């Protein structure tokens, strides 16, 4: 998607940017997409860009920190369930078969990050208890208020399931994904298979 269409003018004006400038422009557009299109808070080198940040604010943040890796602030528009990469893929396959639609899903080295409804971090212990997974040794965590997760175009992050207008505005309730994620995490620990 060309974000210049969203903003009615090129983010960097009409000047020639060269290869490095084009990369920086693409990164800037991606962060602008997070704040303008999806309504998320992005962080660049300690500079927080809240939802609706203007193109000038995004551009200034990039100029101050041109090598910064973008991160998405958790706790406002979404929380993040964090599981091992292999468990995340197993859970995604299972959700597909069950007809469950996960929200956006990020992949980082060794981890899969499922964007879910805000306030999940506070409710996670109770959700695990109510679903019977509270006593299982699971490699399953949650990033909530005050946290941040890497986001593309960071070198170590990519979208496994990209955001869409539907799933970015209303990420799914964690209870809809938790069973599949907990089961996949449990199956990923060989000495725990068959035990609960």
N, C-alpha and C. Protein backbone atom coordinates (compact mmCIF):
# COMPACT_ATOMS: atom_id res chain seq x y z
N UNK A 1 0.84 -1.18 0.00
CA UNK A 1 0.00 0.00 0.00
C UNK A 1 0.88 1.24 0.00
N UNK A 2 0.55 2.21 -0.82
CA UNK A 2 1.30 3.45 -0.86
C UNK A 2 0.68 4.42 0.12
N UNK A 3 1.40 4.69 1.21
CA UNK A 3 0.85 5.55 2.25
C UNK A 3 0.80 7.01 1.85
N UNK A 4 1.50 7.38 0.76
CA UNK A 4 1.37 8.76 0.29
C UNK A 4 -0.09 9.06 -0.05
N UNK A 5 -0.83 8.04 -0.48
CA UNK A 5 -2.24 8.22 -0.79
C UNK A 5 -3.00 8.61 0.48
N UNK A 6 -2.64 7.98 1.60
CA UNK A 6 -3.30 8.30 2.87
C UNK A 6 -3.02 9.73 3.30
N UNK A 7 -1.81 10.20 3.06
CA UNK A 7 -1.40 11.49 3.57
C UNK A 7 -1.52 12.62 2.56
N UNK A 8 -1.92 12.32 1.34
CA UNK A 8 -2.09 13.30 0.28
C UNK A 8 -0.80 13.96 -0.19
N UNK A 9 0.34 13.60 0.37
CA UNK A 9 1.62 14.15 -0.10
C UNK A 9 2.73 13.19 0.29
N UNK A 10 3.80 13.15 -0.48
CA UNK A 10 4.90 12.26 -0.14
C UNK A 10 5.49 12.61 1.22
N UNK A 11 5.84 11.59 1.99
CA UNK A 11 6.38 11.80 3.33
C UNK A 11 7.68 12.58 3.28
N UNK A 12 8.53 12.31 2.30
CA UNK A 12 9.81 13.00 2.21
C UNK A 12 9.84 14.03 1.07
N UNK A 13 8.69 14.46 0.62
CA UNK A 13 8.67 15.43 -0.47
C UNK A 13 9.01 14.76 -1.78
N UNK A 14 9.38 15.55 -2.77
CA UNK A 14 9.63 14.99 -4.10
C UNK A 14 11.11 14.85 -4.41
N UNK A 15 11.99 15.03 -3.41
CA UNK A 15 13.42 14.96 -3.70
C UNK A 15 13.88 13.51 -3.94
N UNK A 16 14.96 13.36 -4.68
CA UNK A 16 15.54 12.06 -4.95
C UNK A 16 16.26 11.58 -3.70
N UNK A 17 15.99 10.34 -3.28
CA UNK A 17 16.51 9.86 -2.01
C UNK A 17 17.69 8.91 -2.14
N UNK A 18 17.87 8.25 -3.26
CA UNK A 18 18.92 7.26 -3.39
C UNK A 18 18.53 5.97 -2.67
N UNK A 19 19.34 4.89 -2.78
CA UNK A 19 18.96 3.61 -2.20
C UNK A 19 18.77 3.65 -0.69
N UNK A 20 19.68 4.29 0.04
CA UNK A 20 19.54 4.33 1.50
C UNK A 20 18.33 5.17 1.91
N UNK A 21 18.09 6.23 1.17
CA UNK A 21 16.92 7.07 1.45
C UNK A 21 15.62 6.34 1.19
N UNK A 22 15.60 5.50 0.13
CA UNK A 22 14.39 4.74 -0.17
C UNK A 22 14.10 3.75 0.94
N UNK A 23 15.13 3.11 1.49
CA UNK A 23 14.93 2.19 2.61
C UNK A 23 14.37 2.94 3.80
N UNK A 24 14.94 4.09 4.10
CA UNK A 24 14.47 4.90 5.22
C UNK A 24 13.02 5.34 4.98
N UNK A 25 12.70 5.70 3.74
CA UNK A 25 11.33 6.10 3.42
C UNK A 25 10.37 4.95 3.64
N UNK A 26 10.73 3.75 3.20
CA UNK A 26 9.87 2.58 3.40
C UNK A 26 9.66 2.31 4.88
N UNK A 27 10.72 2.43 5.68
CA UNK A 27 10.60 2.21 7.12
C UNK A 27 9.71 3.27 7.75
N UNK A 28 9.86 4.50 7.31
CA UNK A 28 9.04 5.60 7.82
C UNK A 28 7.57 5.37 7.48
N UNK A 29 7.31 4.93 6.27
CA UNK A 29 5.93 4.66 5.86
C UNK A 29 5.32 3.56 6.70
N UNK A 30 6.11 2.54 7.01
CA UNK A 30 5.59 1.44 7.82
C UNK A 30 5.20 1.93 9.20
N UNK A 31 6.03 2.74 9.82
CA UNK A 31 5.70 3.27 11.15
C UNK A 31 4.48 4.19 11.05
N UNK A 32 4.40 4.98 9.99
CA UNK A 32 3.22 5.83 9.79
C UNK A 32 1.96 4.97 9.66
N UNK A 33 2.10 3.82 9.01
CA UNK A 33 0.96 2.90 8.89
C UNK A 33 0.51 2.43 10.27
N UNK A 34 1.45 2.07 11.13
CA UNK A 34 1.10 1.62 12.47
C UNK A 34 0.32 2.68 13.23
N UNK A 35 0.77 3.93 13.16
CA UNK A 35 0.13 4.98 13.95
C UNK A 35 -1.12 5.55 13.28
N UNK A 36 -1.06 5.78 11.97
CA UNK A 36 -2.18 6.42 11.27
C UNK A 36 -3.27 5.42 10.89
N UNK A 37 -2.88 4.30 10.31
CA UNK A 37 -3.85 3.36 9.77
C UNK A 37 -4.40 2.42 10.83
N UNK A 38 -3.50 1.87 11.68
CA UNK A 38 -3.94 0.87 12.64
C UNK A 38 -4.23 1.47 14.02
N UNK A 39 -3.82 2.69 14.27
CA UNK A 39 -4.10 3.32 15.56
C UNK A 39 -3.28 2.78 16.71
N UNK A 40 -2.06 2.32 16.42
CA UNK A 40 -1.18 1.79 17.45
C UNK A 40 -0.15 2.83 17.86
N UNK A 41 0.51 2.59 18.99
CA UNK A 41 1.61 3.44 19.44
C UNK A 41 2.91 2.78 19.02
N UNK A 42 3.73 3.51 18.27
CA UNK A 42 5.04 3.00 17.84
C UNK A 42 6.13 3.69 18.66
N UNK A 43 7.26 3.00 18.81
CA UNK A 43 8.40 3.55 19.54
C UNK A 43 9.62 3.44 18.64
N UNK A 44 10.32 4.55 18.47
CA UNK A 44 11.55 4.59 17.68
C UNK A 44 12.66 5.16 18.54
N UNK A 45 13.60 4.33 18.94
CA UNK A 45 14.74 4.81 19.72
C UNK A 45 14.34 5.61 20.94
N UNK A 46 13.29 5.19 21.64
CA UNK A 46 12.84 5.89 22.83
C UNK A 46 11.83 6.99 22.57
N UNK A 47 11.62 7.35 21.30
CA UNK A 47 10.62 8.36 20.95
C UNK A 47 9.29 7.65 20.73
N UNK A 48 8.28 8.01 21.51
CA UNK A 48 6.97 7.37 21.40
C UNK A 48 6.10 8.15 20.43
N UNK A 49 5.53 7.44 19.48
CA UNK A 49 4.64 8.03 18.48
C UNK A 49 3.23 7.47 18.72
N UNK A 50 2.36 8.26 19.35
CA UNK A 50 1.02 7.77 19.68
C UNK A 50 0.14 7.62 18.45
N UNK A 51 -1.00 6.94 18.60
CA UNK A 51 -1.93 6.81 17.47
C UNK A 51 -2.26 8.19 16.89
N UNK A 52 -2.33 8.25 15.59
CA UNK A 52 -2.65 9.50 14.92
C UNK A 52 -1.48 10.45 14.78
N UNK A 53 -0.25 10.01 15.09
CA UNK A 53 0.91 10.88 14.93
C UNK A 53 0.98 11.39 13.50
N UNK A 54 1.30 12.66 13.36
CA UNK A 54 1.35 13.26 12.02
C UNK A 54 2.56 12.73 11.26
N UNK A 55 2.52 12.91 9.95
CA UNK A 55 3.66 12.47 9.14
C UNK A 55 4.92 13.24 9.52
N UNK A 56 4.77 14.49 9.95
CA UNK A 56 5.94 15.27 10.38
C UNK A 56 6.56 14.67 11.65
N UNK A 57 5.72 14.22 12.58
CA UNK A 57 6.23 13.61 13.81
C UNK A 57 6.99 12.32 13.49
N UNK A 58 6.45 11.51 12.61
CA UNK A 58 7.12 10.27 12.23
C UNK A 58 8.44 10.59 11.54
N UNK A 59 8.42 11.55 10.63
CA UNK A 59 9.63 11.94 9.91
C UNK A 59 10.69 12.47 10.87
N UNK A 60 10.32 13.31 11.83
CA UNK A 60 11.27 13.85 12.80
C UNK A 60 11.86 12.75 13.67
N UNK A 61 11.05 11.79 14.06
CA UNK A 61 11.56 10.68 14.87
C UNK A 61 12.60 9.89 14.09
N UNK A 62 12.36 9.66 12.79
CA UNK A 62 13.33 8.95 11.97
C UNK A 62 14.61 9.76 11.80
N UNK A 63 14.48 11.06 11.67
CA UNK A 63 15.68 11.89 11.53
C UNK A 63 16.53 11.85 12.79
N UNK A 64 15.89 11.81 13.96
CA UNK A 64 16.64 11.75 15.23
C UNK A 64 17.27 10.38 15.45
N UNK A 65 16.59 9.33 15.00
CA UNK A 65 17.07 7.96 15.24
C UNK A 65 16.98 7.16 13.95
N UNK A 66 17.81 7.45 12.93
CA UNK A 66 17.65 6.79 11.63
C UNK A 66 17.92 5.29 11.65
N UNK A 67 18.67 4.81 12.63
CA UNK A 67 18.96 3.37 12.69
C UNK A 67 18.07 2.64 13.69
N UNK A 68 17.10 3.34 14.28
CA UNK A 68 16.26 2.73 15.32
C UNK A 68 15.39 1.61 14.74
N UNK A 69 15.22 0.59 15.53
CA UNK A 69 14.33 -0.51 15.18
C UNK A 69 12.95 -0.18 15.73
N UNK A 70 11.91 -0.20 14.91
CA UNK A 70 10.58 0.12 15.42
C UNK A 70 10.05 -0.94 16.38
N UNK A 71 9.33 -0.48 17.37
CA UNK A 71 8.67 -1.35 18.33
C UNK A 71 7.23 -0.88 18.46
N UNK A 72 6.35 -1.79 18.84
CA UNK A 72 4.95 -1.44 19.08
C UNK A 72 4.68 -1.52 20.57
N UNK A 73 4.09 -0.46 21.12
CA UNK A 73 3.77 -0.39 22.55
C UNK A 73 2.56 -1.27 22.83
N UNK A 74 2.65 -2.11 23.82
CA UNK A 74 1.53 -2.99 24.21
C UNK A 74 0.76 -2.34 25.35
N UNK A 75 -0.48 -2.78 25.52
CA UNK A 75 -1.29 -2.32 26.64
C UNK A 75 -2.38 -1.34 26.27
N UNK A 76 -2.25 -0.63 25.16
CA UNK A 76 -3.30 0.32 24.78
C UNK A 76 -4.27 -0.31 23.79
N UNK A 77 -3.85 -0.53 22.58
CA UNK A 77 -4.73 -1.13 21.57
C UNK A 77 -4.73 -2.64 21.60
N UNK A 78 -3.71 -3.23 22.20
CA UNK A 78 -3.59 -4.69 22.23
C UNK A 78 -2.58 -5.11 23.28
N UNK A 79 -2.68 -6.36 23.72
CA UNK A 79 -1.64 -7.05 24.47
C UNK A 79 -1.09 -8.12 23.54
N UNK A 80 -0.04 -8.81 23.97
CA UNK A 80 0.59 -9.82 23.12
C UNK A 80 0.82 -11.11 23.90
N UNK A 81 0.27 -12.21 23.39
CA UNK A 81 0.59 -13.54 23.93
C UNK A 81 1.86 -14.02 23.23
N UNK A 82 2.84 -14.43 24.02
CA UNK A 82 4.19 -14.76 23.55
C UNK A 82 4.44 -16.24 23.77
N UNK A 83 4.65 -16.99 22.67
CA UNK A 83 4.89 -18.43 22.75
C UNK A 83 6.10 -18.80 21.89
N UNK A 84 6.67 -20.00 22.10
CA UNK A 84 7.76 -20.44 21.21
C UNK A 84 7.28 -20.50 19.76
N UNK A 85 8.20 -20.23 18.84
CA UNK A 85 7.89 -20.17 17.42
C UNK A 85 7.18 -21.43 16.93
N UNK A 86 7.72 -22.61 17.26
CA UNK A 86 7.13 -23.87 16.80
C UNK A 86 5.71 -24.04 17.34
N UNK A 87 5.50 -23.70 18.61
CA UNK A 87 4.16 -23.79 19.19
C UNK A 87 3.22 -22.83 18.50
N UNK A 88 3.71 -21.65 18.16
CA UNK A 88 2.88 -20.68 17.45
C UNK A 88 2.41 -21.19 16.11
N UNK A 89 3.31 -21.85 15.36
CA UNK A 89 2.92 -22.41 14.07
C UNK A 89 1.93 -23.55 14.25
N UNK A 90 2.17 -24.42 15.25
CA UNK A 90 1.21 -25.51 15.51
C UNK A 90 -0.16 -24.94 15.86
N UNK A 91 -0.17 -23.91 16.70
CA UNK A 91 -1.44 -23.30 17.10
C UNK A 91 -2.15 -22.65 15.90
N UNK A 92 -1.38 -21.98 15.03
CA UNK A 92 -2.00 -21.36 13.85
C UNK A 92 -2.65 -22.42 12.96
N UNK A 93 -1.97 -23.56 12.78
CA UNK A 93 -2.54 -24.65 11.98
C UNK A 93 -3.83 -25.16 12.61
N UNK A 94 -3.80 -25.32 13.92
CA UNK A 94 -4.98 -25.83 14.62
C UNK A 94 -6.13 -24.82 14.53
N UNK A 95 -5.82 -23.54 14.70
CA UNK A 95 -6.86 -22.51 14.60
C UNK A 95 -7.49 -22.50 13.21
N UNK A 96 -6.66 -22.68 12.17
CA UNK A 96 -7.18 -22.74 10.80
C UNK A 96 -8.20 -23.87 10.67
N UNK A 97 -7.84 -25.05 11.20
CA UNK A 97 -8.75 -26.20 11.11
C UNK A 97 -10.03 -25.96 11.88
N UNK A 98 -9.93 -25.24 13.00
CA UNK A 98 -11.10 -24.99 13.86
C UNK A 98 -11.92 -23.78 13.39
N UNK A 99 -11.42 -23.04 12.42
CA UNK A 99 -12.13 -21.86 11.95
C UNK A 99 -11.97 -20.65 12.85
N UNK A 100 -10.97 -20.68 13.74
CA UNK A 100 -10.70 -19.54 14.63
C UNK A 100 -9.80 -18.57 13.89
N UNK A 101 -10.14 -17.29 13.95
CA UNK A 101 -9.34 -16.28 13.26
C UNK A 101 -8.49 -15.53 14.27
N UNK A 102 -7.17 -15.77 14.25
CA UNK A 102 -6.32 -14.99 15.13
C UNK A 102 -6.19 -13.57 14.60
N UNK A 103 -5.79 -12.68 15.45
CA UNK A 103 -5.49 -11.32 15.00
C UNK A 103 -4.13 -11.31 14.35
N UNK A 104 -3.50 -10.16 14.27
CA UNK A 104 -2.14 -10.10 13.72
C UNK A 104 -1.18 -10.95 14.55
N UNK A 105 -0.23 -11.58 13.88
CA UNK A 105 0.76 -12.43 14.55
C UNK A 105 2.14 -12.04 14.04
N UNK A 106 3.04 -11.75 14.98
CA UNK A 106 4.42 -11.40 14.66
C UNK A 106 5.31 -12.61 14.88
N UNK A 107 6.34 -12.74 14.05
CA UNK A 107 7.36 -13.74 14.26
C UNK A 107 8.68 -13.06 14.56
N UNK A 108 9.35 -13.48 15.63
CA UNK A 108 10.68 -13.01 15.96
C UNK A 108 11.55 -14.24 16.14
N UNK A 109 12.86 -14.10 16.26
CA UNK A 109 13.69 -15.29 16.41
C UNK A 109 13.26 -16.14 17.61
N UNK A 110 12.73 -17.29 17.31
CA UNK A 110 12.34 -18.24 18.35
C UNK A 110 11.00 -18.00 18.99
N UNK A 111 10.29 -16.93 18.65
CA UNK A 111 9.03 -16.62 19.31
C UNK A 111 7.94 -16.25 18.29
N UNK A 112 6.69 -16.52 18.66
CA UNK A 112 5.52 -16.07 17.91
C UNK A 112 4.71 -15.19 18.85
N UNK A 113 4.31 -14.03 18.37
CA UNK A 113 3.64 -13.03 19.19
C UNK A 113 2.24 -12.78 18.63
N UNK A 114 1.21 -13.16 19.40
CA UNK A 114 -0.18 -13.05 18.99
C UNK A 114 -0.79 -11.80 19.60
N UNK A 115 -1.22 -10.86 18.77
CA UNK A 115 -1.86 -9.65 19.27
C UNK A 115 -3.29 -10.00 19.68
N UNK A 116 -3.62 -9.67 20.92
CA UNK A 116 -4.94 -9.97 21.48
C UNK A 116 -5.49 -8.72 22.15
N UNK A 117 -6.70 -8.81 22.65
CA UNK A 117 -7.37 -7.67 23.26
C UNK A 117 -6.56 -7.10 24.43
N UNK A 118 -6.66 -5.79 24.66
CA UNK A 118 -5.95 -5.19 25.80
C UNK A 118 -6.44 -5.78 27.11
N UNK A 119 -5.61 -5.65 28.13
CA UNK A 119 -5.88 -6.14 29.50
C UNK A 119 -5.77 -7.65 29.63
N UNK A 120 -5.26 -8.33 28.61
CA UNK A 120 -5.06 -9.77 28.69
C UNK A 120 -4.00 -10.12 29.73
N UNK A 121 -2.93 -9.32 29.81
CA UNK A 121 -1.84 -9.63 30.75
C UNK A 121 -2.37 -9.75 32.17
N UNK A 122 -3.23 -8.84 32.57
CA UNK A 122 -3.78 -8.88 33.93
C UNK A 122 -4.71 -10.07 34.13
N UNK A 123 -5.42 -10.46 33.08
CA UNK A 123 -6.40 -11.54 33.19
C UNK A 123 -5.82 -12.92 32.92
N UNK A 124 -4.56 -13.01 32.44
CA UNK A 124 -4.01 -14.30 32.01
C UNK A 124 -4.01 -15.37 33.09
N UNK A 125 -3.58 -15.09 34.33
CA UNK A 125 -3.62 -16.17 35.34
C UNK A 125 -5.03 -16.74 35.53
N UNK A 126 -6.03 -15.88 35.56
CA UNK A 126 -7.41 -16.35 35.73
C UNK A 126 -7.87 -17.12 34.50
N UNK A 127 -7.49 -16.66 33.30
CA UNK A 127 -7.86 -17.38 32.08
C UNK A 127 -7.24 -18.77 32.04
N UNK A 128 -5.98 -18.87 32.45
CA UNK A 128 -5.32 -20.18 32.48
C UNK A 128 -5.99 -21.09 33.51
N UNK A 129 -6.38 -20.53 34.63
CA UNK A 129 -7.07 -21.31 35.67
C UNK A 129 -8.41 -21.82 35.15
N UNK A 130 -9.19 -20.93 34.54
CA UNK A 130 -10.53 -21.32 34.07
C UNK A 130 -10.47 -22.33 32.92
N UNK A 131 -9.37 -22.34 32.17
CA UNK A 131 -9.25 -23.31 31.07
C UNK A 131 -8.49 -24.57 31.47
N UNK A 132 -8.06 -24.63 32.73
CA UNK A 132 -7.39 -25.84 33.23
C UNK A 132 -5.91 -25.93 32.92
N UNK A 133 -5.30 -24.84 32.48
CA UNK A 133 -3.88 -24.86 32.14
C UNK A 133 -3.01 -24.18 33.19
N UNK A 134 -3.56 -23.83 34.31
CA UNK A 134 -2.80 -23.08 35.32
C UNK A 134 -1.70 -23.91 35.97
N UNK A 135 -1.85 -25.23 36.02
CA UNK A 135 -0.83 -26.05 36.67
C UNK A 135 0.14 -26.70 35.68
N UNK A 136 0.00 -26.39 34.40
CA UNK A 136 0.90 -26.95 33.38
C UNK A 136 2.12 -26.04 33.23
N UNK A 137 3.26 -26.67 32.96
CA UNK A 137 4.49 -25.91 32.73
C UNK A 137 4.50 -25.45 31.28
N UNK A 138 4.03 -24.24 31.04
CA UNK A 138 3.92 -23.71 29.68
C UNK A 138 4.90 -22.57 29.48
N UNK A 139 5.50 -22.53 28.29
CA UNK A 139 6.34 -21.39 27.90
C UNK A 139 5.42 -20.41 27.19
N UNK A 140 4.56 -19.76 27.96
CA UNK A 140 3.56 -18.85 27.42
C UNK A 140 3.54 -17.61 28.32
N UNK A 141 3.81 -16.47 27.73
CA UNK A 141 3.80 -15.23 28.50
C UNK A 141 2.92 -14.19 27.85
N UNK A 142 2.84 -13.04 28.47
CA UNK A 142 2.01 -11.98 27.93
C UNK A 142 2.68 -10.63 28.16
N UNK A 143 2.70 -9.79 27.13
CA UNK A 143 3.19 -8.42 27.22
C UNK A 143 1.98 -7.52 27.33
N UNK A 144 1.92 -6.75 28.41
CA UNK A 144 0.78 -5.86 28.62
C UNK A 144 1.21 -4.42 28.73
N UNK A 145 0.51 -3.67 29.56
CA UNK A 145 0.73 -2.23 29.70
C UNK A 145 2.20 -1.93 30.00
N UNK A 146 2.75 -0.97 29.26
CA UNK A 146 4.13 -0.55 29.46
C UNK A 146 5.16 -1.36 28.70
N UNK A 147 4.75 -2.45 28.06
CA UNK A 147 5.68 -3.27 27.30
C UNK A 147 5.77 -2.83 25.85
N UNK A 148 6.64 -3.48 25.11
CA UNK A 148 6.79 -3.21 23.68
C UNK A 148 7.35 -4.45 23.00
N UNK A 149 6.96 -4.65 21.76
CA UNK A 149 7.44 -5.79 20.98
C UNK A 149 8.03 -5.28 19.67
N UNK A 150 9.04 -5.99 19.11
CA UNK A 150 9.61 -5.56 17.84
C UNK A 150 8.59 -5.66 16.72
N UNK A 151 8.72 -4.79 15.75
CA UNK A 151 7.78 -4.79 14.63
C UNK A 151 8.54 -4.60 13.32
N UNK A 152 8.04 -5.19 12.25
CA UNK A 152 8.66 -4.92 10.96
C UNK A 152 8.64 -3.43 10.66
N UNK A 153 9.65 -2.90 10.04
CA UNK A 153 10.75 -3.57 9.37
C UNK A 153 11.97 -3.82 10.24
N UNK A 154 11.82 -4.03 11.54
CA UNK A 154 12.96 -4.43 12.37
C UNK A 154 13.58 -5.68 11.76
N UNK A 155 14.89 -5.81 11.85
CA UNK A 155 15.58 -6.92 11.20
C UNK A 155 15.17 -8.27 11.76
N UNK A 156 14.69 -8.32 12.99
CA UNK A 156 14.36 -9.60 13.61
C UNK A 156 12.87 -9.83 13.75
N UNK A 157 12.02 -9.12 13.00
CA UNK A 157 10.58 -9.28 13.12
C UNK A 157 9.93 -9.34 11.74
N UNK A 158 8.89 -10.16 11.64
CA UNK A 158 8.12 -10.22 10.40
C UNK A 158 6.68 -10.62 10.76
N UNK A 159 5.76 -10.26 9.90
CA UNK A 159 4.36 -10.62 10.14
C UNK A 159 4.11 -12.04 9.67
N UNK A 160 3.63 -12.90 10.57
CA UNK A 160 3.17 -14.24 10.19
C UNK A 160 1.72 -14.14 9.71
N UNK A 161 0.94 -13.28 10.36
CA UNK A 161 -0.41 -12.91 9.94
C UNK A 161 -0.47 -11.39 10.03
N UNK A 162 -0.48 -10.69 8.90
CA UNK A 162 -0.41 -9.23 8.93
C UNK A 162 -1.70 -8.60 9.45
N UNK A 163 -1.58 -7.37 9.91
CA UNK A 163 -2.79 -6.66 10.35
C UNK A 163 -3.70 -6.34 9.17
N UNK A 164 -4.99 -6.34 9.42
CA UNK A 164 -6.00 -5.94 8.45
C UNK A 164 -6.90 -4.93 9.15
N UNK A 165 -7.72 -4.20 8.43
CA UNK A 165 -8.62 -3.25 9.09
C UNK A 165 -9.49 -3.91 10.17
N UNK A 166 -9.90 -5.15 9.95
CA UNK A 166 -10.77 -5.83 10.93
C UNK A 166 -10.00 -6.26 12.16
N UNK A 167 -8.87 -6.97 11.97
CA UNK A 167 -8.19 -7.55 13.13
C UNK A 167 -7.30 -6.56 13.87
N UNK A 168 -6.92 -5.45 13.25
CA UNK A 168 -6.09 -4.46 13.93
C UNK A 168 -6.93 -3.60 14.86
N UNK A 169 -8.13 -3.27 14.42
CA UNK A 169 -9.00 -2.42 15.24
C UNK A 169 -9.58 -3.18 16.42
N UNK A 170 -9.84 -4.46 16.24
CA UNK A 170 -10.44 -5.27 17.30
C UNK A 170 -9.72 -6.61 17.40
N UNK A 171 -8.56 -6.64 18.06
CA UNK A 171 -7.87 -7.92 18.19
C UNK A 171 -8.73 -8.90 18.98
N UNK A 172 -8.57 -10.19 18.75
CA UNK A 172 -9.45 -11.17 19.39
C UNK A 172 -9.23 -11.25 20.90
N UNK A 173 -10.26 -11.70 21.59
CA UNK A 173 -10.15 -11.97 23.02
C UNK A 173 -9.18 -13.15 23.19
N UNK A 174 -8.33 -13.08 24.20
CA UNK A 174 -7.33 -14.12 24.42
C UNK A 174 -7.96 -15.48 24.66
N UNK A 175 -9.13 -15.52 25.28
CA UNK A 175 -9.78 -16.81 25.59
C UNK A 175 -10.06 -17.62 24.32
N UNK A 176 -10.21 -16.94 23.17
CA UNK A 176 -10.47 -17.64 21.92
C UNK A 176 -9.23 -18.36 21.39
N UNK A 177 -8.04 -17.88 21.76
CA UNK A 177 -6.80 -18.45 21.26
C UNK A 177 -6.07 -19.30 22.29
N UNK A 178 -6.38 -19.07 23.54
CA UNK A 178 -5.58 -19.62 24.63
C UNK A 178 -5.53 -21.15 24.64
N UNK A 179 -6.64 -21.81 24.37
CA UNK A 179 -6.64 -23.28 24.36
C UNK A 179 -5.67 -23.84 23.35
N UNK A 180 -5.72 -23.33 22.12
CA UNK A 180 -4.83 -23.81 21.06
C UNK A 180 -3.38 -23.49 21.38
N UNK A 181 -3.12 -22.28 21.92
CA UNK A 181 -1.74 -21.90 22.25
C UNK A 181 -1.20 -22.73 23.41
N UNK A 182 -2.00 -22.92 24.45
CA UNK A 182 -1.55 -23.71 25.61
C UNK A 182 -1.28 -25.15 25.19
N UNK A 183 -2.18 -25.72 24.41
CA UNK A 183 -2.00 -27.09 23.94
C UNK A 183 -0.72 -27.24 23.11
N UNK A 184 -0.50 -26.29 22.19
CA UNK A 184 0.70 -26.34 21.36
C UNK A 184 1.97 -26.17 22.19
N UNK A 185 1.93 -25.30 23.20
CA UNK A 185 3.10 -25.13 24.08
C UNK A 185 3.35 -26.41 24.87
N UNK A 186 2.29 -27.02 25.37
CA UNK A 186 2.40 -28.25 26.15
C UNK A 186 2.98 -29.38 25.30
N UNK A 187 2.54 -29.48 24.05
CA UNK A 187 3.04 -30.52 23.15
C UNK A 187 4.49 -30.30 22.77
N UNK A 188 4.97 -29.08 22.90
CA UNK A 188 6.34 -28.76 22.52
C UNK A 188 7.36 -29.15 23.54
N UNK A 189 6.94 -29.62 24.73
CA UNK A 189 7.87 -30.04 25.78
C UNK A 189 7.79 -31.56 25.87
N UNK A 190 8.77 -32.30 25.27
CA UNK A 190 8.66 -33.77 25.16
C UNK A 190 8.38 -34.46 26.48
N UNK A 191 9.03 -34.02 27.57
CA UNK A 191 8.82 -34.73 28.84
C UNK A 191 7.45 -34.47 29.46
N UNK A 192 6.70 -33.50 28.90
CA UNK A 192 5.38 -33.20 29.44
C UNK A 192 4.24 -33.78 28.60
N UNK A 193 4.55 -34.30 27.41
CA UNK A 193 3.50 -34.82 26.54
C UNK A 193 2.77 -35.95 27.27
N UNK A 194 1.45 -35.86 27.26
CA UNK A 194 0.63 -36.86 27.93
C UNK A 194 0.34 -36.52 29.37
N UNK A 195 1.02 -35.52 29.93
CA UNK A 195 0.76 -35.10 31.32
C UNK A 195 0.07 -33.76 31.30
N UNK A 196 -0.68 -33.49 32.33
CA UNK A 196 -1.33 -32.20 32.44
C UNK A 196 -1.27 -31.69 33.83
